[in-house]
Amino acid sequence: MLKNHVKIEVFASHRENRKEILYTADFSIIETSEEAWRLSFITKVIIRYKIDVLCVVKNTLWYEQHRHEIEKQPE
């Protein structure tokens, strides 16, 4: 039995209005479709909502290439 209960809020984002992804999350965000703005968008969302963990299904190579910039965000 768990002694400590932690509330987990799920944020989902996608470039398109994908109901099967966005409608099951606590919070959903439509991503920018501009590739040049992706890093800025992601880092702003992480900071604004104090997101601790990312689960990436697609574009994993892009996220790995930008891991340093994503992880260095101020707390």
PDB file of N, CA and C in Angstrom:
ATOM      1  N   MET A   1       0.836  -1.180   0.000  1.00  0.00           N
ATOM      2  CA  MET A   1       0.000   0.000   0.000  1.00  0.00           C
ATOM      3  C   MET A   1       0.882   1.243   0.000  1.00  0.00           C
ATOM      4  N   LEU A   2       0.541   2.215  -0.792  1.00  0.00           N
ATOM      5  CA  LEU A   2       1.304   3.453  -0.858  1.00  0.00           C
ATOM      6  C   LEU A   2       1.020   4.320   0.353  1.00  0.00           C
ATOM      7  N   LYS A   3       2.085   4.852   0.930  1.00  0.00           N
ATOM      8  CA  LYS A   3       1.926   5.759   2.065  1.00  0.00           C
ATOM      9  C   LYS A   3       1.774   7.200   1.605  1.00  0.00           C
ATOM     10  N   ASN A   4       2.479   7.547   0.579  1.00  0.00           N
ATOM     11  CA  ASN A   4       2.438   8.918   0.060  1.00  0.00           C
ATOM     12  C   ASN A   4       1.705   8.936  -1.272  1.00  0.00           C
ATOM     13  N   HIS A   5       0.734   9.768  -1.355  1.00  0.00           N
ATOM     14  CA  HIS A   5       0.007   9.917  -2.609  1.00  0.00           C
ATOM     15  C   HIS A   5       0.489  11.182  -3.300  1.00  0.00           C
ATOM     16  N   VAL A   6       0.812  11.050  -4.561  1.00  0.00           N
ATOM     17  CA  VAL A   6       1.290  12.177  -5.344  1.00  0.00           C
ATOM     18  C   VAL A   6       0.303  12.407  -6.481  1.00  0.00           C
ATOM     19  N   LYS A   7      -0.130  13.626  -6.614  1.00  0.00           N
ATOM     20  CA  LYS A   7      -1.022  13.952  -7.725  1.00  0.00           C
ATOM     21  C   LYS A   7      -0.180  14.190  -8.973  1.00  0.00           C
ATOM     22  N   ILE A   8      -0.510  13.491 -10.005  1.00  0.00           N
ATOM     23  CA  ILE A   8       0.187  13.650 -11.278  1.00  0.00           C
ATOM     24  C   ILE A   8      -0.776  14.297 -12.265  1.00  0.00           C
ATOM     25  N   GLU A   9      -0.341  15.400 -12.839  1.00  0.00           N
ATOM     26  CA  GLU A   9      -1.121  16.066 -13.875  1.00  0.00           C
ATOM     27  C   GLU A   9      -0.461  15.776 -15.217  1.00  0.00           C
ATOM     28  N   VAL A  10      -1.264  15.385 -16.168  1.00  0.00           N
ATOM     29  CA  VAL A  10      -0.757  15.021 -17.486  1.00  0.00           C
ATOM     30  C   VAL A  10      -1.042  16.149 -18.468  1.00  0.00           C
ATOM     31  N   PHE A  11       0.033  16.617 -19.108  1.00  0.00           N
ATOM     32  CA  PHE A  11      -0.056  17.620 -20.165  1.00  0.00           C
ATOM     33  C   PHE A  11       0.210  16.897 -21.484  1.00  0.00           C
ATOM     34  N   ALA A  12      -0.583  17.182 -22.474  1.00  0.00           N
ATOM     35  CA  ALA A  12      -0.369  16.597 -23.792  1.00  0.00           C
ATOM     36  C   ALA A  12      -0.289  17.723 -24.809  1.00  0.00           C
ATOM     37  N   SER A  13       0.569  17.527 -25.792  1.00  0.00           N
ATOM     38  CA  SER A  13       0.654  18.526 -26.855  1.00  0.00           C
ATOM     39  C   SER A  13       0.812  17.819 -28.192  1.00  0.00           C
ATOM     40  N   HIS A  14       0.327  18.484 -29.207  1.00  0.00           N
ATOM     41  CA  HIS A  14       0.446  17.965 -30.571  1.00  0.00           C
ATOM     42  C   HIS A  14       0.263  19.134 -31.520  1.00  0.00           C
ATOM     43  N   ARG A  15       0.775  18.986 -32.721  1.00  0.00           N
ATOM     44  CA  ARG A  15       0.635  20.049 -33.721  1.00  0.00           C
ATOM     45  C   ARG A  15      -0.768  20.106 -34.305  1.00  0.00           C
ATOM     46  N   GLU A  16      -1.483  19.007 -34.225  1.00  0.00           N
ATOM     47  CA  GLU A  16      -2.838  18.935 -34.763  1.00  0.00           C
ATOM     48  C   GLU A  16      -3.805  18.620 -33.626  1.00  0.00           C
ATOM     49  N   ASN A  17      -5.074  18.858 -33.853  1.00  0.00           N
ATOM     50  CA  ASN A  17      -6.086  18.581 -32.839  1.00  0.00           C
ATOM     51  C   ASN A  17      -6.394  17.083 -32.830  1.00  0.00           C
ATOM     52  N   ARG A  18      -5.502  16.313 -32.220  1.00  0.00           N
ATOM     53  CA  ARG A  18      -5.640  14.858 -32.158  1.00  0.00           C
ATOM     54  C   ARG A  18      -6.384  14.477 -30.888  1.00  0.00           C
ATOM     55  N   LYS A  19      -7.662  14.188 -31.027  1.00  0.00           N
ATOM     56  CA  LYS A  19      -8.515  13.912 -29.867  1.00  0.00           C
ATOM     57  C   LYS A  19      -7.991  12.771 -29.015  1.00  0.00           C
ATOM     58  N   GLU A  20      -7.485  11.710 -29.639  1.00  0.00           N
ATOM     59  CA  GLU A  20      -7.023  10.551 -28.879  1.00  0.00           C
ATOM     60  C   GLU A  20      -5.801  10.881 -28.020  1.00  0.00           C
ATOM     61  N   ILE A  21      -5.122  11.957 -28.333  1.00  0.00           N
ATOM     62  CA  ILE A  21      -3.964  12.395 -27.547  1.00  0.00           C
ATOM     63  C   ILE A  21      -4.359  13.512 -26.594  1.00  0.00           C
ATOM     64  N   LEU A  22      -4.973  14.530 -27.110  1.00  0.00           N
ATOM     65  CA  LEU A  22      -5.231  15.741 -26.329  1.00  0.00           C
ATOM     66  C   LEU A  22      -6.404  15.629 -25.362  1.00  0.00           C
ATOM     67  N   TYR A  23      -7.418  14.876 -25.708  1.00  0.00           N
ATOM     68  CA  TYR A  23      -8.628  14.861 -24.880  1.00  0.00           C
ATOM     69  C   TYR A  23      -8.503  13.978 -23.643  1.00  0.00           C
ATOM     70  N   THR A  24      -7.484  13.146 -23.571  1.00  0.00           N
ATOM     71  CA  THR A  24      -7.333  12.273 -22.407  1.00  0.00           C
ATOM     72  C   THR A  24      -6.429  12.872 -21.337  1.00  0.00           C
ATOM     73  N   ALA A  25      -5.793  13.973 -21.622  1.00  0.00           N
ATOM     74  CA  ALA A  25      -4.884  14.622 -20.670  1.00  0.00           C
ATOM     75  C   ALA A  25      -5.644  15.595 -19.782  1.00  0.00           C
ATOM     76  N   ASP A  26      -5.022  15.940 -18.661  1.00  0.00           N
ATOM     77  CA  ASP A  26      -5.594  16.967 -17.787  1.00  0.00           C
ATOM     78  C   ASP A  26      -5.539  18.335 -18.464  1.00  0.00           C
ATOM     79  N   PHE A  27      -4.452  18.575 -19.196  1.00  0.00           N
ATOM     80  CA  PHE A  27      -4.244  19.837 -19.906  1.00  0.00           C
ATOM     81  C   PHE A  27      -3.738  19.505 -21.305  1.00  0.00           C
ATOM     82  N   SER A  28      -4.249  20.184 -22.303  1.00  0.00           N
ATOM     83  CA  SER A  28      -3.776  19.938 -23.663  1.00  0.00           C
ATOM     84  C   SER A  28      -3.395  21.250 -24.329  1.00  0.00           C
ATOM     85  N   ILE A  29      -2.371  21.167 -25.156  1.00  0.00           N
ATOM     86  CA  ILE A  29      -1.808  22.346 -25.800  1.00  0.00           C
ATOM     87  C   ILE A  29      -1.542  22.014 -27.265  1.00  0.00           C
ATOM     88  N   ILE A  30      -1.955  22.906 -28.154  1.00  0.00           N
ATOM     89  CA  ILE A  30      -1.627  22.748 -29.570  1.00  0.00           C
ATOM     90  C   ILE A  30      -0.248  23.360 -29.794  1.00  0.00           C
ATOM     91  N   GLU A  31       0.656  22.549 -30.327  1.00  0.00           N
ATOM     92  CA  GLU A  31       2.021  23.007 -30.577  1.00  0.00           C
ATOM     93  C   GLU A  31       2.070  23.915 -31.799  1.00  0.00           C
ATOM     94  N   THR A  32       3.104  24.719 -31.848  1.00  0.00           N
ATOM     95  CA  THR A  32       3.359  25.518 -33.039  1.00  0.00           C
ATOM     96  C   THR A  32       3.716  24.587 -34.196  1.00  0.00           C
ATOM     97  N   SER A  33       3.278  24.927 -35.375  1.00  0.00           N
ATOM     98  CA  SER A  33       3.616  24.117 -36.547  1.00  0.00           C
ATOM     99  C   SER A  33       4.925  24.568 -37.184  1.00  0.00           C
ATOM    100  N   GLU A  34       5.458  25.667 -36.695  1.00  0.00           N
ATOM    101  CA  GLU A  34       6.723  26.190 -37.214  1.00  0.00           C
ATOM    102  C   GLU A  34       7.899  25.481 -36.548  1.00  0.00           C
ATOM    103  N   GLU A  35       8.644  24.757 -37.333  1.00  0.00           N
ATOM    104  CA  GLU A  35       9.794  24.009 -36.814  1.00  0.00           C
ATOM    105  C   GLU A  35      10.787  24.910 -36.087  1.00  0.00           C
ATOM    106  N   ALA A  36      10.986  26.109 -36.600  1.00  0.00           N
ATOM    107  CA  ALA A  36      11.955  27.038 -36.004  1.00  0.00           C
ATOM    108  C   ALA A  36      11.546  27.489 -34.605  1.00  0.00           C
ATOM    109  N   TRP A  37      10.265  27.381 -34.264  1.00  0.00           N
ATOM    110  CA  TRP A  37       9.771  27.834 -32.957  1.00  0.00           C
ATOM    111  C   TRP A  37       9.579  26.695 -31.962  1.00  0.00           C
ATOM    112  N   ARG A  38       9.857  25.466 -32.359  1.00  0.00           N
ATOM    113  CA  ARG A  38       9.594  24.318 -31.492  1.00  0.00           C
ATOM    114  C   ARG A  38      10.339  24.397 -30.164  1.00  0.00           C
ATOM    115  N   LEU A  39      11.630  24.650 -30.198  1.00  0.00           N
ATOM    116  CA  LEU A  39      12.409  24.690 -28.958  1.00  0.00           C
ATOM    117  C   LEU A  39      11.899  25.780 -28.026  1.00  0.00           C
ATOM    118  N   SER A  40      11.647  26.943 -28.561  1.00  0.00           N
ATOM    119  CA  SER A  40      11.121  28.038 -27.755  1.00  0.00           C
ATOM    120  C   SER A  40       9.770  27.665 -27.147  1.00  0.00           C
ATOM    121  N   PHE A  41       8.911  27.071 -27.939  1.00  0.00           N
ATOM    122  CA  PHE A  41       7.596  26.655 -27.461  1.00  0.00           C
ATOM    123  C   PHE A  41       7.729  25.654 -26.317  1.00  0.00           C
ATOM    124  N   ILE A  42       8.521  24.618 -26.526  1.00  0.00           N
ATOM    125  CA  ILE A  42       8.681  23.565 -25.519  1.00  0.00           C
ATOM    126  C   ILE A  42       9.246  24.129 -24.225  1.00  0.00           C
ATOM    127  N   THR A  43      10.291  24.929 -24.318  1.00  0.00           N
ATOM    128  CA  THR A  43      10.897  25.458 -23.093  1.00  0.00           C
ATOM    129  C   THR A  43       9.947  26.393 -22.353  1.00  0.00           C
ATOM    130  N   LYS A  44       9.189  27.188 -23.075  1.00  0.00           N
ATOM    131  CA  LYS A  44       8.221  28.082 -22.411  1.00  0.00           C
ATOM    132  C   LYS A  44       7.133  27.289 -21.690  1.00  0.00           C
ATOM    133  N   VAL A  45       6.651  26.229 -22.302  1.00  0.00           N
ATOM    134  CA  VAL A  45       5.625  25.392 -21.668  1.00  0.00           C
ATOM    135  C   VAL A  45       6.191  24.714 -20.419  1.00  0.00           C
ATOM    136  N   ILE A  46       7.404  24.197 -20.507  1.00  0.00           N
ATOM    137  CA  ILE A  46       8.038  23.538 -19.359  1.00  0.00           C
ATOM    138  C   ILE A  46       8.169  24.503 -18.187  1.00  0.00           C
ATOM    139  N   ILE A  47       8.620  25.701 -18.456  1.00  0.00           N
ATOM    140  CA  ILE A  47       8.791  26.696 -17.393  1.00  0.00           C
ATOM    141  C   ILE A  47       7.439  27.135 -16.839  1.00  0.00           C
ATOM    142  N   ARG A  48       6.526  27.478 -17.706  1.00  0.00           N
ATOM    143  CA  ARG A  48       5.230  28.015 -17.261  1.00  0.00           C
ATOM    144  C   ARG A  48       4.457  27.033 -16.385  1.00  0.00           C
ATOM    145  N   TYR A  49       4.468  25.763 -16.771  1.00  0.00           N
ATOM    146  CA  TYR A  49       3.669  24.770 -16.057  1.00  0.00           C
ATOM    147  C   TYR A  49       4.494  23.896 -15.108  1.00  0.00           C
ATOM    148  N   LYS A  50       5.782  24.209 -14.986  1.00  0.00           N
ATOM    149  CA  LYS A  50       6.675  23.485 -14.068  1.00  0.00           C
ATOM    150  C   LYS A  50       6.648  21.980 -14.334  1.00  0.00           C
ATOM    151  N   ILE A  51       6.865  21.632 -15.567  1.00  0.00           N
ATOM    152  CA  ILE A  51       6.841  20.233 -15.994  1.00  0.00           C
ATOM    153  C   ILE A  51       8.178  19.585 -15.657  1.00  0.00           C
ATOM    154  N   ASP A  52       8.101  18.407 -15.044  1.00  0.00           N
ATOM    155  CA  ASP A  52       9.303  17.699 -14.604  1.00  0.00           C
ATOM    156  C   ASP A  52       9.737  16.584 -15.551  1.00  0.00           C
ATOM    157  N   VAL A  53       8.791  15.965 -16.238  1.00  0.00           N
ATOM    158  CA  VAL A  53       9.097  14.796 -17.054  1.00  0.00           C
ATOM    159  C   VAL A  53       8.442  14.945 -18.426  1.00  0.00           C
ATOM    160  N   LEU A  54       9.206  14.593 -19.464  1.00  0.00           N
ATOM    161  CA  LEU A  54       8.664  14.572 -20.824  1.00  0.00           C
ATOM    162  C   LEU A  54       8.628  13.126 -21.306  1.00  0.00           C
ATOM    163  N   CYS A  55       7.548  12.759 -21.933  1.00  0.00           N
ATOM    164  CA  CYS A  55       7.436  11.463 -22.589  1.00  0.00           C
ATOM    165  C   CYS A  55       7.208  11.757 -24.068  1.00  0.00           C
ATOM    166  N   VAL A  56       8.178  11.434 -24.870  1.00  0.00           N
ATOM    167  CA  VAL A  56       8.129  11.774 -26.292  1.00  0.00           C
ATOM    168  C   VAL A  56       7.892  10.495 -27.090  1.00  0.00           C
ATOM    169  N   VAL A  57       6.903  10.530 -27.965  1.00  0.00           N
ATOM    170  CA  VAL A  57       6.590   9.355 -28.765  1.00  0.00           C
ATOM    171  C   VAL A  57       7.200   9.477 -30.160  1.00  0.00           C
ATOM    172  N   LYS A  58       7.055  10.652 -30.761  1.00  0.00           N
ATOM    173  CA  LYS A  58       7.645  10.895 -32.073  1.00  0.00           C
ATOM    174  C   LYS A  58       8.684  12.002 -31.926  1.00  0.00           C
ATOM    175  N   ASN A  59       9.463  12.172 -32.934  1.00  0.00           N
ATOM    176  CA  ASN A  59      10.496  13.219 -32.942  1.00  0.00           C
ATOM    177  C   ASN A  59      11.516  13.034 -31.825  1.00  0.00           C
ATOM    178  N   THR A  60      11.752  11.805 -31.426  1.00  0.00           N
ATOM    179  CA  THR A  60      12.697  11.567 -30.328  1.00  0.00           C
ATOM    180  C   THR A  60      14.106  12.028 -30.683  1.00  0.00           C
ATOM    181  N   LEU A  61      14.505  11.879 -31.916  1.00  0.00           N
ATOM    182  CA  LEU A  61      15.838  12.325 -32.322  1.00  0.00           C
ATOM    183  C   LEU A  61      15.981  13.827 -32.117  1.00  0.00           C
ATOM    184  N   TRP A  62      14.961  14.594 -32.499  1.00  0.00           N
ATOM    185  CA  TRP A  62      15.004  16.043 -32.313  1.00  0.00           C
ATOM    186  C   TRP A  62      15.133  16.381 -30.831  1.00  0.00           C
ATOM    187  N   TYR A  63      14.352  15.731 -29.988  1.00  0.00           N
ATOM    188  CA  TYR A  63      14.408  16.009 -28.550  1.00  0.00           C
ATOM    189  C   TYR A  63      15.773  15.654 -27.973  1.00  0.00           C
ATOM    190  N   GLU A  64      16.338  14.542 -28.392  1.00  0.00           N
ATOM    191  CA  GLU A  64      17.674  14.175 -27.912  1.00  0.00           C
ATOM    192  C   GLU A  64      18.721  15.192 -28.369  1.00  0.00           C
ATOM    193  N   GLN A  65      18.598  15.693 -29.572  1.00  0.00           N
ATOM    194  CA  GLN A  65      19.540  16.691 -30.071  1.00  0.00           C
ATOM    195  C   GLN A  65      19.429  18.002 -29.299  1.00  0.00           C
ATOM    196  N   HIS A  66      18.281  18.278 -28.707  1.00  0.00           N
ATOM    197  CA  HIS A  66      18.050  19.525 -27.971  1.00  0.00           C
ATOM    198  C   HIS A  66      17.913  19.312 -26.468  1.00  0.00           C
ATOM    199  N   ARG A  67      18.288  18.138 -26.005  1.00  0.00           N
ATOM    200  CA  ARG A  67      18.146  17.799 -24.588  1.00  0.00           C
ATOM    201  C   ARG A  67      18.823  18.818 -23.686  1.00  0.00           C
ATOM    202  N   HIS A  68      20.024  19.218 -24.028  1.00  0.00           N
ATOM    203  CA  HIS A  68      20.762  20.163 -23.182  1.00  0.00           C
ATOM    204  C   HIS A  68      20.000  21.475 -23.014  1.00  0.00           C
ATOM    205  N   GLU A  69      19.509  22.024 -24.109  1.00  0.00           N
ATOM    206  CA  GLU A  69      18.764  23.292 -24.027  1.00  0.00           C
ATOM    207  C   GLU A  69      17.466  23.125 -23.239  1.00  0.00           C
ATOM    208  N   ILE A  70      16.819  21.988 -23.387  1.00  0.00           N
ATOM    209  CA  ILE A  70      15.563  21.739 -22.674  1.00  0.00           C
ATOM    210  C   ILE A  70      15.824  21.564 -21.182  1.00  0.00           C
ATOM    211  N   GLU A  71      16.851  20.817 -20.818  1.00  0.00           N
ATOM    212  CA  GLU A  71      17.129  20.533 -19.409  1.00  0.00           C
ATOM    213  C   GLU A  71      17.721  21.712 -18.650  1.00  0.00           C
ATOM    214  N   LYS A  72      18.331  22.655 -19.321  1.00  0.00           N
ATOM    215  CA  LYS A  72      18.999  23.749 -18.610  1.00  0.00           C
ATOM    216  C   LYS A  72      18.054  24.874 -18.194  1.00  0.00           C
ATOM    217  N   GLN A  73      16.770  24.672 -18.346  1.00  0.00           N
ATOM    218  CA  GLN A  73      15.802  25.713 -18.004  1.00  0.00           C
ATOM    219  C   GLN A  73      15.862  26.033 -16.516  1.00  0.00           C
ATOM    220  N   PRO A  74      15.727  27.301 -16.166  1.00  0.00           N
ATOM    221  CA  PRO A  74      15.777  27.691 -14.752  1.00  0.00           C
ATOM    222  C   PRO A  74      14.600  27.107 -13.982  1.00  0.00           C
ATOM    223  N   GLU A  75      14.839  26.857 -12.720  1.00  0.00           N
ATOM    224  CA  GLU A  75      13.776  26.297 -11.871  1.00  0.00           C
ATOM    225  C   GLU A  75      12.992  27.375 -11.190  1.00  0.00           C
TER     226      GLU A  75
END
